[in-house]
Amino acid sequence: TKDGVPTTVKKTEVEPELTTSQDIRLGFQPVVSLDAELLRQQRRFSSPRVLLSENTPLEPPPLYLMEEPMVLNRTSRRKRYTEGKTHRGEYSVCDSESRWVTDKTSAVDIRGHQVTVLGEIRMGPSPVKQYFYETRCKQAKPAKSGCRGID
């Protein structure tokens, strides 16, 4: 433990039929069994961009929903809202899209350390996956000239 927080997870034996050579080539991690109490202790380190779930989330994290102007539903008067979330003088380098992904094999934790992401975690009767809310450019080459922002 470090600072009273467990830093290691005991790996359980994985059934041979669950792990295939294709899983190993694709970088999937083995199923690990976790105690629910361990997850409760880790709640203070949680992020709105990371979610443990049996099913793919259908909505963005609550943090992103609050940023949407239509969701705010305020009755008081406010400044006009222009399209997009950029502020004056800020330009996005690309047209972006945000979505939940499960293809991560490593990530950076809250302390800045590189950590291994588990493919599935067994909690109770059914395994759950770690979903990461990620924003990426829609295209590999964002603009024809190579730059949309200010040089």
N, C-alpha and C. Protein backbone atom coordinates (compact mmCIF):
# COMPACT_ATOMS: atom_id res chain seq x y z
N THR A 1 0.84 -1.19 0.00
CA THR A 1 0.00 0.00 0.00
C THR A 1 0.88 1.24 0.00
N LYS A 2 0.34 2.32 -0.57
CA LYS A 2 1.02 3.60 -0.58
C LYS A 2 0.02 4.64 -0.14
N ASP A 3 0.33 5.42 0.89
CA ASP A 3 -0.59 6.41 1.45
C ASP A 3 -1.89 5.76 1.88
N GLY A 4 -1.84 4.52 2.35
CA GLY A 4 -3.05 3.83 2.80
C GLY A 4 -3.92 3.30 1.69
N VAL A 5 -3.46 3.39 0.43
CA VAL A 5 -4.24 2.93 -0.71
C VAL A 5 -3.54 1.72 -1.33
N PRO A 6 -4.25 0.59 -1.48
CA PRO A 6 -3.62 -0.58 -2.11
C PRO A 6 -3.14 -0.26 -3.52
N THR A 7 -1.92 -0.69 -3.85
CA THR A 7 -1.37 -0.38 -5.17
C THR A 7 -1.27 -1.60 -6.06
N THR A 8 -1.55 -2.77 -5.52
CA THR A 8 -1.47 -3.97 -6.35
C THR A 8 -2.79 -4.72 -6.31
N VAL A 9 -3.05 -5.47 -7.36
CA VAL A 9 -4.26 -6.28 -7.48
C VAL A 9 -3.82 -7.72 -7.70
N LYS A 10 -4.41 -8.63 -6.96
CA LYS A 10 -4.07 -10.04 -7.10
C LYS A 10 -4.72 -10.58 -8.37
N LYS A 11 -3.92 -11.15 -9.27
CA LYS A 11 -4.45 -11.75 -10.49
C LYS A 11 -4.97 -13.14 -10.18
N THR A 12 -6.09 -13.47 -10.79
CA THR A 12 -6.65 -14.80 -10.60
C THR A 12 -6.30 -15.66 -11.80
N GLU A 13 -6.45 -16.94 -11.64
CA GLU A 13 -6.18 -17.88 -12.74
C GLU A 13 -7.23 -17.70 -13.82
N VAL A 14 -6.81 -17.53 -15.06
CA VAL A 14 -7.72 -17.36 -16.19
C VAL A 14 -7.94 -18.71 -16.85
N GLU A 15 -9.21 -19.02 -17.15
CA GLU A 15 -9.49 -20.28 -17.82
C GLU A 15 -8.82 -20.29 -19.18
N PRO A 16 -8.23 -21.41 -19.62
CA PRO A 16 -7.50 -21.47 -20.89
C PRO A 16 -8.36 -21.10 -22.08
N GLU A 17 -9.66 -21.45 -22.07
CA GLU A 17 -10.48 -21.16 -23.24
C GLU A 17 -10.81 -19.67 -23.38
N LEU A 18 -10.57 -18.87 -22.33
CA LEU A 18 -10.86 -17.44 -22.41
C LEU A 18 -9.73 -16.66 -23.07
N THR A 19 -8.52 -17.14 -22.99
CA THR A 19 -7.39 -16.43 -23.55
C THR A 19 -6.94 -17.13 -24.83
N THR A 20 -7.01 -16.42 -25.95
CA THR A 20 -6.60 -16.99 -27.22
C THR A 20 -5.34 -16.29 -27.71
N SER A 21 -4.70 -16.87 -28.71
CA SER A 21 -3.50 -16.24 -29.26
C SER A 21 -3.87 -14.91 -29.92
N GLN A 22 -5.09 -14.80 -30.43
CA GLN A 22 -5.53 -13.53 -31.02
C GLN A 22 -5.62 -12.45 -29.94
N ASP A 23 -6.14 -12.80 -28.75
CA ASP A 23 -6.20 -11.84 -27.66
C ASP A 23 -4.81 -11.34 -27.29
N ILE A 24 -3.84 -12.23 -27.26
CA ILE A 24 -2.48 -11.86 -26.91
C ILE A 24 -1.89 -10.95 -27.98
N ARG A 25 -2.12 -11.27 -29.26
CA ARG A 25 -1.61 -10.43 -30.35
C ARG A 25 -2.24 -9.04 -30.30
N LEU A 26 -3.52 -8.95 -29.96
CA LEU A 26 -4.20 -7.66 -29.94
C LEU A 26 -3.92 -6.87 -28.67
N GLY A 27 -3.25 -7.47 -27.71
CA GLY A 27 -2.88 -6.76 -26.49
C GLY A 27 -3.93 -6.77 -25.41
N PHE A 28 -4.93 -7.66 -25.47
CA PHE A 28 -5.94 -7.71 -24.43
C PHE A 28 -5.31 -8.23 -23.15
N GLN A 29 -5.73 -7.66 -22.03
CA GLN A 29 -5.24 -8.08 -20.74
C GLN A 29 -6.15 -9.15 -20.15
N PRO A 30 -5.64 -9.98 -19.26
CA PRO A 30 -6.45 -11.05 -18.67
C PRO A 30 -7.55 -10.50 -17.77
N VAL A 31 -8.54 -11.33 -17.51
CA VAL A 31 -9.62 -10.97 -16.60
C VAL A 31 -9.07 -11.04 -15.19
N VAL A 32 -9.36 -10.03 -14.39
CA VAL A 32 -8.87 -9.96 -13.02
C VAL A 32 -10.06 -9.83 -12.09
N SER A 33 -10.00 -10.50 -10.96
CA SER A 33 -11.07 -10.43 -9.97
C SER A 33 -10.74 -9.34 -8.95
N LEU A 34 -11.69 -8.44 -8.70
CA LEU A 34 -11.49 -7.36 -7.75
C LEU A 34 -12.54 -7.42 -6.66
N ASP A 35 -12.16 -7.04 -5.48
CA ASP A 35 -13.10 -6.92 -4.39
C ASP A 35 -13.80 -5.56 -4.52
N ALA A 36 -15.11 -5.53 -4.33
CA ALA A 36 -15.88 -4.29 -4.44
C ALA A 36 -15.38 -3.25 -3.43
N GLU A 37 -14.89 -3.69 -2.28
CA GLU A 37 -14.39 -2.77 -1.26
C GLU A 37 -13.17 -2.00 -1.78
N LEU A 38 -12.32 -2.66 -2.56
CA LEU A 38 -11.16 -2.00 -3.14
C LEU A 38 -11.60 -0.86 -4.04
N LEU A 39 -12.64 -1.08 -4.84
CA LEU A 39 -13.13 -0.03 -5.73
C LEU A 39 -13.74 1.13 -4.94
N ARG A 40 -14.41 0.84 -3.83
CA ARG A 40 -14.98 1.91 -3.00
C ARG A 40 -13.87 2.79 -2.44
N GLN A 41 -12.75 2.19 -2.05
CA GLN A 41 -11.63 2.94 -1.52
C GLN A 41 -11.01 3.82 -2.60
N GLN A 42 -11.05 3.39 -3.84
CA GLN A 42 -10.44 4.12 -4.94
C GLN A 42 -11.34 5.23 -5.49
N ARG A 43 -12.58 5.34 -5.00
CA ARG A 43 -13.54 6.29 -5.54
C ARG A 43 -13.02 7.73 -5.50
N ARG A 44 -12.22 8.08 -4.51
CA ARG A 44 -11.72 9.45 -4.43
C ARG A 44 -10.76 9.79 -5.57
N PHE A 45 -10.24 8.77 -6.26
CA PHE A 45 -9.35 8.99 -7.40
C PHE A 45 -10.08 8.85 -8.73
N SER A 46 -11.40 8.76 -8.70
CA SER A 46 -12.14 8.51 -9.94
C SER A 46 -12.11 9.71 -10.87
N SER A 47 -12.32 9.44 -12.14
CA SER A 47 -12.34 10.47 -13.17
C SER A 47 -13.63 10.35 -13.96
N PRO A 48 -14.22 11.48 -14.39
CA PRO A 48 -15.44 11.39 -15.20
C PRO A 48 -15.16 10.79 -16.58
N ARG A 49 -13.89 10.71 -16.98
CA ARG A 49 -13.53 10.15 -18.28
C ARG A 49 -13.30 8.65 -18.25
N VAL A 50 -13.35 8.03 -17.08
CA VAL A 50 -13.15 6.58 -16.94
C VAL A 50 -14.36 5.99 -16.24
N LEU A 51 -14.86 4.88 -16.79
CA LEU A 51 -16.07 4.27 -16.26
C LEU A 51 -15.93 2.75 -16.29
N LEU A 52 -16.36 2.09 -15.23
CA LEU A 52 -16.43 0.64 -15.19
C LEU A 52 -17.88 0.26 -15.43
N SER A 53 -18.13 -0.54 -16.47
CA SER A 53 -19.51 -0.89 -16.80
C SER A 53 -19.56 -2.21 -17.56
N GLU A 54 -20.71 -2.89 -17.45
CA GLU A 54 -20.94 -4.12 -18.22
C GLU A 54 -21.29 -3.78 -19.66
N ASN A 55 -21.91 -2.62 -19.89
CA ASN A 55 -22.37 -2.21 -21.22
C ASN A 55 -21.74 -0.89 -21.63
N THR A 56 -21.67 -0.65 -22.93
CA THR A 56 -21.14 0.61 -23.43
C THR A 56 -22.05 1.76 -23.01
N PRO A 57 -21.50 2.82 -22.40
CA PRO A 57 -22.32 3.97 -22.00
C PRO A 57 -22.95 4.62 -23.22
N LEU A 58 -24.17 5.11 -23.07
CA LEU A 58 -24.89 5.72 -24.19
C LEU A 58 -24.73 7.23 -24.24
N GLU A 59 -24.23 7.84 -23.18
CA GLU A 59 -24.09 9.29 -23.12
C GLU A 59 -22.67 9.66 -22.71
N PRO A 60 -22.28 10.91 -22.99
CA PRO A 60 -20.98 11.38 -22.51
C PRO A 60 -20.99 11.49 -20.99
N PRO A 61 -19.83 11.67 -20.36
CA PRO A 61 -19.80 11.84 -18.91
C PRO A 61 -20.58 13.08 -18.49
N PRO A 62 -21.07 13.14 -17.26
CA PRO A 62 -21.85 14.30 -16.79
C PRO A 62 -21.12 15.62 -16.97
N LEU A 63 -19.81 15.62 -16.84
CA LEU A 63 -19.01 16.83 -17.01
C LEU A 63 -19.24 17.44 -18.39
N TYR A 64 -19.30 16.61 -19.43
CA TYR A 64 -19.50 17.09 -20.79
C TYR A 64 -20.94 17.51 -21.03
N LEU A 65 -21.89 16.85 -20.41
CA LEU A 65 -23.29 17.23 -20.56
C LEU A 65 -23.53 18.62 -20.01
N MET A 66 -22.83 18.98 -18.93
CA MET A 66 -23.01 20.30 -18.33
C MET A 66 -22.48 21.41 -19.22
N GLU A 67 -21.52 21.11 -20.09
CA GLU A 67 -20.95 22.12 -20.98
C GLU A 67 -21.86 22.45 -22.15
N GLU A 68 -22.78 21.55 -22.48
CA GLU A 68 -23.68 21.78 -23.60
C GLU A 68 -24.68 22.87 -23.25
N PRO A 69 -24.83 23.91 -24.08
CA PRO A 69 -25.72 25.03 -23.75
C PRO A 69 -27.19 24.64 -23.67
N MET A 70 -27.63 23.67 -24.46
CA MET A 70 -29.04 23.30 -24.46
C MET A 70 -29.41 22.54 -23.18
N VAL A 71 -28.44 21.90 -22.56
CA VAL A 71 -28.71 21.11 -21.37
C VAL A 71 -28.84 22.00 -20.14
N LEU A 72 -28.20 23.15 -20.16
CA LEU A 72 -28.21 24.03 -18.99
C LEU A 72 -29.62 24.49 -18.63
N ASN A 73 -30.46 24.80 -19.61
CA ASN A 73 -31.86 25.18 -19.41
C ASN A 73 -32.00 26.28 -18.37
N ARG A 74 -31.28 27.35 -18.53
CA ARG A 74 -31.37 28.47 -17.60
C ARG A 74 -32.50 29.40 -18.02
N THR A 75 -33.14 30.00 -17.03
CA THR A 75 -34.21 30.95 -17.33
C THR A 75 -33.71 32.38 -17.26
N SER A 76 -32.57 32.62 -16.63
CA SER A 76 -32.04 33.98 -16.53
C SER A 76 -31.40 34.38 -17.86
N ARG A 77 -31.29 35.69 -18.05
CA ARG A 77 -30.70 36.21 -19.28
C ARG A 77 -29.20 35.97 -19.28
N ARG A 78 -28.66 35.63 -20.45
CA ARG A 78 -27.23 35.40 -20.57
C ARG A 78 -26.75 35.90 -21.93
N LYS A 79 -25.41 35.95 -22.08
CA LYS A 79 -24.83 36.37 -23.35
C LYS A 79 -25.20 35.39 -24.44
N ARG A 80 -25.21 35.88 -25.67
CA ARG A 80 -25.48 35.00 -26.81
C ARG A 80 -24.42 33.93 -26.90
N TYR A 81 -24.85 32.78 -27.37
CA TYR A 81 -23.94 31.65 -27.49
C TYR A 81 -23.69 31.40 -28.96
N THR A 82 -22.42 31.37 -29.35
CA THR A 82 -22.08 31.07 -30.73
C THR A 82 -21.79 29.60 -30.86
N GLU A 83 -21.90 29.07 -32.07
CA GLU A 83 -21.66 27.64 -32.30
C GLU A 83 -20.25 27.26 -31.89
N GLY A 84 -20.12 26.08 -31.35
CA GLY A 84 -18.82 25.57 -30.93
C GLY A 84 -18.51 25.94 -29.50
N LYS A 85 -17.51 25.27 -28.93
CA LYS A 85 -17.15 25.51 -27.54
C LYS A 85 -15.88 26.34 -27.42
N THR A 86 -15.37 26.87 -28.52
CA THR A 86 -14.13 27.61 -28.46
C THR A 86 -14.38 29.02 -27.94
N HIS A 87 -13.35 29.59 -27.36
CA HIS A 87 -13.41 30.95 -26.86
C HIS A 87 -12.68 31.86 -27.84
N ARG A 88 -12.88 33.15 -27.73
CA ARG A 88 -12.27 34.09 -28.65
C ARG A 88 -10.75 33.91 -28.66
N GLY A 89 -10.20 33.79 -29.85
CA GLY A 89 -8.76 33.62 -30.01
C GLY A 89 -8.30 32.17 -29.96
N GLU A 90 -9.22 31.24 -29.69
CA GLU A 90 -8.86 29.83 -29.65
C GLU A 90 -9.39 29.14 -30.89
N TYR A 91 -8.54 28.36 -31.55
CA TYR A 91 -8.95 27.63 -32.74
C TYR A 91 -8.61 26.16 -32.56
N SER A 92 -9.53 25.32 -32.90
CA SER A 92 -9.28 23.89 -32.83
C SER A 92 -8.40 23.50 -34.01
N VAL A 93 -7.48 22.57 -33.79
CA VAL A 93 -6.60 22.14 -34.87
C VAL A 93 -7.29 21.16 -35.80
N CYS A 94 -8.45 20.64 -35.39
CA CYS A 94 -9.16 19.68 -36.24
C CYS A 94 -10.62 19.59 -35.84
N ASP A 95 -11.43 19.00 -36.71
CA ASP A 95 -12.79 18.65 -36.34
C ASP A 95 -12.68 17.39 -35.49
N SER A 96 -13.21 17.46 -34.29
CA SER A 96 -13.01 16.34 -33.37
C SER A 96 -14.29 15.56 -33.12
N GLU A 97 -14.11 14.36 -32.60
CA GLU A 97 -15.23 13.53 -32.17
C GLU A 97 -14.86 12.90 -30.84
N SER A 98 -15.83 12.78 -29.96
CA SER A 98 -15.60 12.19 -28.65
C SER A 98 -16.46 10.95 -28.52
N ARG A 99 -15.87 9.89 -27.93
CA ARG A 99 -16.62 8.65 -27.75
C ARG A 99 -15.96 7.80 -26.68
N TRP A 100 -16.73 6.81 -26.20
CA TRP A 100 -16.22 5.85 -25.23
C TRP A 100 -15.43 4.78 -25.97
N VAL A 101 -14.22 4.45 -25.48
CA VAL A 101 -13.39 3.41 -26.09
C VAL A 101 -12.95 2.39 -25.04
N THR A 102 -12.64 1.19 -25.51
CA THR A 102 -12.12 0.14 -24.62
C THR A 102 -10.82 -0.45 -25.15
N ASP A 103 -10.21 0.21 -26.14
CA ASP A 103 -9.02 -0.35 -26.78
C ASP A 103 -7.71 0.07 -26.12
N LYS A 104 -7.74 0.55 -24.91
CA LYS A 104 -6.53 0.99 -24.22
C LYS A 104 -5.81 -0.19 -23.59
N THR A 105 -4.49 -0.20 -23.70
CA THR A 105 -3.69 -1.21 -23.01
C THR A 105 -2.83 -0.57 -21.92
N SER A 106 -2.65 0.76 -22.01
CA SER A 106 -1.92 1.48 -20.97
C SER A 106 -2.51 2.88 -20.84
N ALA A 107 -2.26 3.50 -19.70
CA ALA A 107 -2.77 4.85 -19.43
C ALA A 107 -1.84 5.51 -18.41
N VAL A 108 -2.04 6.80 -18.18
CA VAL A 108 -1.28 7.53 -17.17
C VAL A 108 -2.22 7.76 -15.99
N ASP A 109 -1.79 7.35 -14.79
CA ASP A 109 -2.66 7.49 -13.62
C ASP A 109 -2.60 8.89 -13.04
N ILE A 110 -3.33 9.10 -11.94
CA ILE A 110 -3.45 10.42 -11.33
C ILE A 110 -2.11 10.96 -10.81
N ARG A 111 -1.17 10.07 -10.56
CA ARG A 111 0.16 10.48 -10.09
C ARG A 111 1.17 10.62 -11.22
N GLY A 112 0.73 10.41 -12.46
CA GLY A 112 1.61 10.56 -13.61
C GLY A 112 2.39 9.32 -13.98
N HIS A 113 2.04 8.18 -13.42
CA HIS A 113 2.73 6.92 -13.71
C HIS A 113 2.03 6.17 -14.84
N GLN A 114 2.82 5.52 -15.69
CA GLN A 114 2.28 4.66 -16.75
C GLN A 114 1.76 3.39 -16.10
N VAL A 115 0.49 3.03 -16.37
CA VAL A 115 -0.11 1.84 -15.78
C VAL A 115 -0.71 0.97 -16.88
N THR A 116 -0.87 -0.32 -16.58
CA THR A 116 -1.49 -1.26 -17.51
C THR A 116 -3.00 -1.24 -17.31
N VAL A 117 -3.74 -1.18 -18.40
CA VAL A 117 -5.20 -1.19 -18.35
C VAL A 117 -5.67 -2.62 -18.52
N LEU A 118 -6.55 -3.07 -17.64
CA LEU A 118 -7.08 -4.42 -17.71
C LEU A 118 -8.22 -4.49 -18.71
N GLY A 119 -8.29 -5.56 -19.48
CA GLY A 119 -9.36 -5.73 -20.45
C GLY A 119 -10.72 -5.86 -19.80
N GLU A 120 -10.80 -6.71 -18.79
CA GLU A 120 -12.04 -6.91 -18.04
C GLU A 120 -11.70 -7.10 -16.58
N ILE A 121 -12.64 -6.72 -15.73
CA ILE A 121 -12.49 -6.91 -14.29
C ILE A 121 -13.70 -7.70 -13.82
N ARG A 122 -13.46 -8.79 -13.13
CA ARG A 122 -14.57 -9.61 -12.64
C ARG A 122 -15.01 -9.08 -11.28
N MET A 123 -16.23 -8.56 -11.23
CA MET A 123 -16.83 -8.08 -9.99
C MET A 123 -18.16 -8.79 -9.81
N GLY A 124 -18.22 -9.71 -8.90
CA GLY A 124 -19.47 -10.44 -8.70
C GLY A 124 -19.70 -11.42 -9.84
N PRO A 125 -20.97 -11.55 -10.26
CA PRO A 125 -21.31 -12.57 -11.25
C PRO A 125 -20.84 -12.29 -12.68
N SER A 126 -20.69 -11.03 -13.05
CA SER A 126 -20.33 -10.74 -14.44
C SER A 126 -19.15 -9.78 -14.52
N PRO A 127 -18.31 -9.93 -15.55
CA PRO A 127 -17.17 -9.03 -15.71
C PRO A 127 -17.59 -7.65 -16.22
N VAL A 128 -16.82 -6.64 -15.87
CA VAL A 128 -17.05 -5.29 -16.36
C VAL A 128 -15.81 -4.84 -17.13
N LYS A 129 -16.00 -3.88 -18.02
CA LYS A 129 -14.90 -3.33 -18.80
C LYS A 129 -14.63 -1.90 -18.35
N GLN A 130 -13.40 -1.45 -18.62
CA GLN A 130 -13.05 -0.05 -18.37
C GLN A 130 -13.29 0.73 -19.66
N TYR A 131 -14.14 1.73 -19.59
CA TYR A 131 -14.41 2.59 -20.74
C TYR A 131 -13.73 3.94 -20.50
N PHE A 132 -13.07 4.45 -21.55
CA PHE A 132 -12.40 5.74 -21.49
C PHE A 132 -13.09 6.68 -22.47
N TYR A 133 -13.43 7.89 -22.02
CA TYR A 133 -14.05 8.87 -22.90
C TYR A 133 -12.91 9.66 -23.55
N GLU A 134 -12.80 9.54 -24.86
CA GLU A 134 -11.65 10.06 -25.58
C GLU A 134 -12.10 11.00 -26.69
N THR A 135 -11.33 12.07 -26.89
CA THR A 135 -11.58 13.01 -27.98
C THR A 135 -10.42 12.91 -28.97
N ARG A 136 -10.76 12.68 -30.23
CA ARG A 136 -9.75 12.54 -31.30
C ARG A 136 -10.16 13.37 -32.50
N CYS A 137 -9.20 13.63 -33.38
CA CYS A 137 -9.51 14.27 -34.66
C CYS A 137 -10.27 13.26 -35.52
N LYS A 138 -11.26 13.75 -36.28
CA LYS A 138 -12.03 12.87 -37.15
C LYS A 138 -11.17 12.29 -38.26
N GLN A 139 -10.22 13.08 -38.77
CA GLN A 139 -9.35 12.62 -39.85
C GLN A 139 -7.91 12.66 -39.38
N ALA A 140 -7.08 11.79 -39.96
CA ALA A 140 -5.67 11.74 -39.58
C ALA A 140 -4.96 13.05 -39.92
N LYS A 141 -5.26 13.62 -41.09
CA LYS A 141 -4.69 14.90 -41.49
C LYS A 141 -5.80 15.94 -41.36
N PRO A 142 -5.80 16.75 -40.32
CA PRO A 142 -6.91 17.62 -40.00
C PRO A 142 -7.29 18.66 -41.06
N ALA A 143 -6.33 19.33 -41.65
CA ALA A 143 -6.65 20.39 -42.62
C ALA A 143 -5.78 20.23 -43.86
N LYS A 144 -6.26 20.77 -44.99
CA LYS A 144 -5.51 20.66 -46.24
C LYS A 144 -4.14 21.30 -46.13
N SER A 145 -4.09 22.46 -45.50
CA SER A 145 -2.81 23.15 -45.36
C SER A 145 -1.97 22.60 -44.21
N GLY A 146 -2.58 21.74 -43.39
CA GLY A 146 -1.84 21.17 -42.26
C GLY A 146 -2.03 21.94 -40.97
N CYS A 147 -2.63 23.14 -41.04
CA CYS A 147 -2.81 23.93 -39.83
C CYS A 147 -4.07 24.77 -39.93
N ARG A 148 -4.90 24.74 -38.90
CA ARG A 148 -6.10 25.58 -38.85
C ARG A 148 -5.96 26.67 -37.81
N GLY A 149 -5.02 26.52 -36.93
CA GLY A 149 -4.85 27.48 -35.85
C GLY A 149 -3.94 28.61 -36.26
N ILE A 150 -3.45 29.33 -35.28
CA ILE A 150 -2.56 30.46 -35.53
C ILE A 150 -1.13 30.00 -35.31
N ASP A 151 -0.25 30.28 -36.28
CA ASP A 151 1.17 29.91 -36.15
C ASP A 151 1.92 30.98 -35.39
